[in-house]
Protein backbone atom coordinates (compact mmCIF):
# COMPACT_ATOMS: atom_id res chain seq x y z
CA UNK A 1 0.00 0.00 0.00
CA UNK A 2 1.29 3.46 -0.93
CA UNK A 3 -0.22 6.73 0.30
CA UNK A 4 1.51 9.76 -1.26
CA UNK A 5 0.72 13.04 0.49
CA UNK A 6 0.78 16.16 -1.66
CA UNK A 7 -0.99 19.39 -0.85
CA UNK A 8 -4.58 18.65 0.07
CA UNK A 9 -4.82 15.25 -1.60
CA UNK A 10 -3.99 11.81 -0.29
CA UNK A 11 -4.45 8.97 -2.75
CA UNK A 12 -4.18 5.32 -1.77
CA UNK A 13 -3.05 2.66 -4.21
CA UNK A 14 -3.28 -1.09 -3.65
CA UNK A 15 -2.33 -3.79 -6.10
CA UNK A 16 -2.44 -7.55 -5.84
CA UNK A 17 -2.81 -10.52 -8.11
CA UNK A 18 -6.46 -11.61 -8.46
CA UNK A 19 -5.51 -15.28 -8.14
CA UNK A 20 -4.02 -14.53 -4.70
CA UNK A 21 -7.27 -13.32 -3.17
CA UNK A 22 -6.90 -13.79 0.57
CA UNK A 23 -9.00 -12.66 3.49
CA UNK A 24 -6.11 -10.61 4.89
CA UNK A 25 -5.92 -8.56 1.68
CA UNK A 26 -9.67 -7.96 1.72
CA UNK A 27 -9.46 -6.91 5.39
CA UNK A 28 -6.61 -4.49 4.62
CA UNK A 29 -8.62 -3.02 1.73
CA UNK A 30 -11.64 -2.56 4.01
CA UNK A 31 -9.56 -0.86 6.72
CA UNK A 32 -7.96 1.47 4.16
CA UNK A 33 -11.39 2.38 2.74
CA UNK A 34 -12.74 3.08 6.23
CA UNK A 35 -9.75 5.25 7.14
CA UNK A 36 -10.05 7.14 3.86
CA UNK A 37 -13.66 7.94 4.65
CA UNK A 38 -13.06 9.03 8.26
CA UNK A 39 -9.54 10.47 8.61
CA UNK A 40 -7.97 13.41 6.80
CA UNK A 41 -4.40 12.21 6.25
CA UNK A 42 -3.33 15.57 4.85
CA UNK A 43 -3.59 17.05 8.37
CA UNK A 44 -0.96 14.63 9.70
CA UNK A 45 2.37 16.26 10.49
């Protein structure tokens, strides 16, 4: 997972192979989506 911070934008990129679909990857994706909806990462120091 990569979260570049620039100005007032924070984009999150995730990549994985579709044949390697694991519950841990789905959980990580869900946590990242929840954080993106609730926390403004651009305010972090």
